[in-house]
Protein backbone atom coordinates (compact mmCIF):
# COMPACT_ATOMS: atom_id res chain seq x y z
CA MET A 1 -7.94 -1.39 -7.50
CA ILE A 2 -6.44 -2.91 -4.39
CA ASN A 3 -5.78 -1.54 -0.91
CA ILE A 4 -3.19 -3.39 1.17
CA CYS A 5 -1.61 -2.51 4.49
CA ASP A 6 0.67 -4.32 6.90
CA ALA A 7 -1.44 -6.31 9.38
CA GLU A 8 0.10 -4.63 12.44
CA LEU A 9 -1.25 -1.26 11.27
CA ILE A 10 -4.93 -2.35 11.37
CA ASP A 11 -6.95 -0.24 13.82
CA SER A 12 -4.21 2.36 14.19
CA LYS A 13 -4.11 6.12 13.71
CA ILE A 14 -1.19 7.75 11.98
CA LYS A 15 -0.84 11.40 12.81
CA GLU A 16 1.56 14.04 11.56
CA GLY A 17 0.72 17.65 12.24
CA GLU A 18 -2.86 18.34 11.17
CA LEU A 19 -3.02 15.13 9.10
CA GLU A 20 -4.57 12.06 10.71
CA ILE A 21 -5.11 8.77 8.87
CA VAL A 22 -7.15 5.94 10.36
CA ILE A 23 -6.20 2.45 9.21
CA SER A 24 -9.48 0.61 9.82
CA LYS A 25 -10.64 -3.00 9.51
CA GLU A 26 -13.60 -1.75 7.52
CA TYR A 27 -11.36 -0.35 4.76
CA PHE A 28 -8.65 -3.02 4.82
CA ASN A 29 -11.07 -5.86 5.56
CA GLU A 30 -9.36 -9.09 4.50
CA PHE A 31 -6.12 -10.72 5.63
CA ILE A 32 -3.96 -12.16 2.85
CA ASP A 33 -0.56 -13.82 2.78
CA GLU A 34 2.51 -12.50 0.98
CA GLN A 35 2.01 -14.78 -2.04
CA GLU A 36 -1.52 -13.45 -2.58
CA ALA A 37 -0.31 -9.87 -2.07
CA VAL A 38 2.31 -10.35 -4.79
CA ARG A 39 -0.29 -11.83 -7.14
CA LEU A 40 -2.62 -8.89 -6.55
CA LEU A 41 0.17 -6.33 -6.94
CA LYS A 42 1.16 -7.78 -10.30
CA ALA A 43 -2.43 -7.97 -11.57
CA CYS A 44 -3.92 -4.67 -10.38
CA SER A 45 -4.09 -1.37 -12.24
CA ILE A 46 -4.23 0.80 -9.09
CA ALA A 47 -2.76 0.03 -5.67
CA ASN A 48 -2.90 1.92 -2.37
CA LEU A 49 -0.27 0.54 0.00
CA VAL A 50 0.56 1.32 3.62
CA GLY A 51 3.39 -0.12 5.69
CA LYS A 52 7.03 -1.14 5.46
CA SER A 53 6.45 -4.74 4.38
CA ILE A 54 3.95 -4.22 1.56
CA VAL A 55 5.61 -1.06 0.25
CA GLY A 56 8.96 -2.84 0.39
CA LYS A 57 7.51 -5.75 -1.60
CA ALA A 58 6.18 -3.39 -4.29
CA LEU A 59 9.60 -1.76 -4.56
CA GLU A 60 11.29 -5.17 -4.70
CA LEU A 61 8.97 -6.10 -7.59
CA ARG A 62 10.03 -2.83 -9.28
CA LEU A 63 6.44 -1.60 -9.49
CA ALA A 64 7.47 1.85 -8.26
CA SER A 65 10.48 3.99 -7.48
CA PRO A 66 11.60 4.59 -3.90
CA TYR A 67 11.19 8.30 -4.71
CA SER A 68 7.42 7.71 -4.99
CA VAL A 69 7.07 6.63 -1.36
CA ARG A 70 5.59 9.20 1.03
CA TYR A 71 6.34 8.86 4.73
CA ILE A 72 3.78 10.06 7.23
CA ALA A 73 4.89 9.81 10.86
CA GLY A 74 7.54 7.34 9.67
CA VAL A 75 5.03 5.01 7.98
CA PRO A 76 5.50 4.49 4.23
CA PHE A 77 2.56 5.13 1.88
CA LEU A 78 2.62 4.33 -1.82
CA MET A 79 0.06 4.74 -4.59
CA ILE A 80 0.67 2.95 -7.87
CA PHE A 81 -1.15 3.70 -11.11
CA LYS A 82 -0.39 1.43 -14.06
CA PHE A 83 -1.31 2.91 -17.40
CA VAL A 84 -1.73 0.39 -20.18
CA HIS A 85 -3.22 1.35 -23.50
CA ASN A 86 -4.57 -1.17 -25.95
CA TYR A 87 -5.68 0.30 -29.24
């Protein structure tokens, strides 16, 4: 499982109505470049993504449909679950 957000969102609060999401350094604790993000996106089984750049990259890689993106206060959020069965 990976959690990736756009760097500019670190230490921000996203609020819409009663919902408030804190994007903290403690949760998203390591900075990575785009190449590493792509490698992790391709290799992971579960991804939690926040922000225009990283969500856009996941869509560009065709890992999810644009219909799966949820916008909260204009910020895109995307969860990806890859189901692979080996019997």
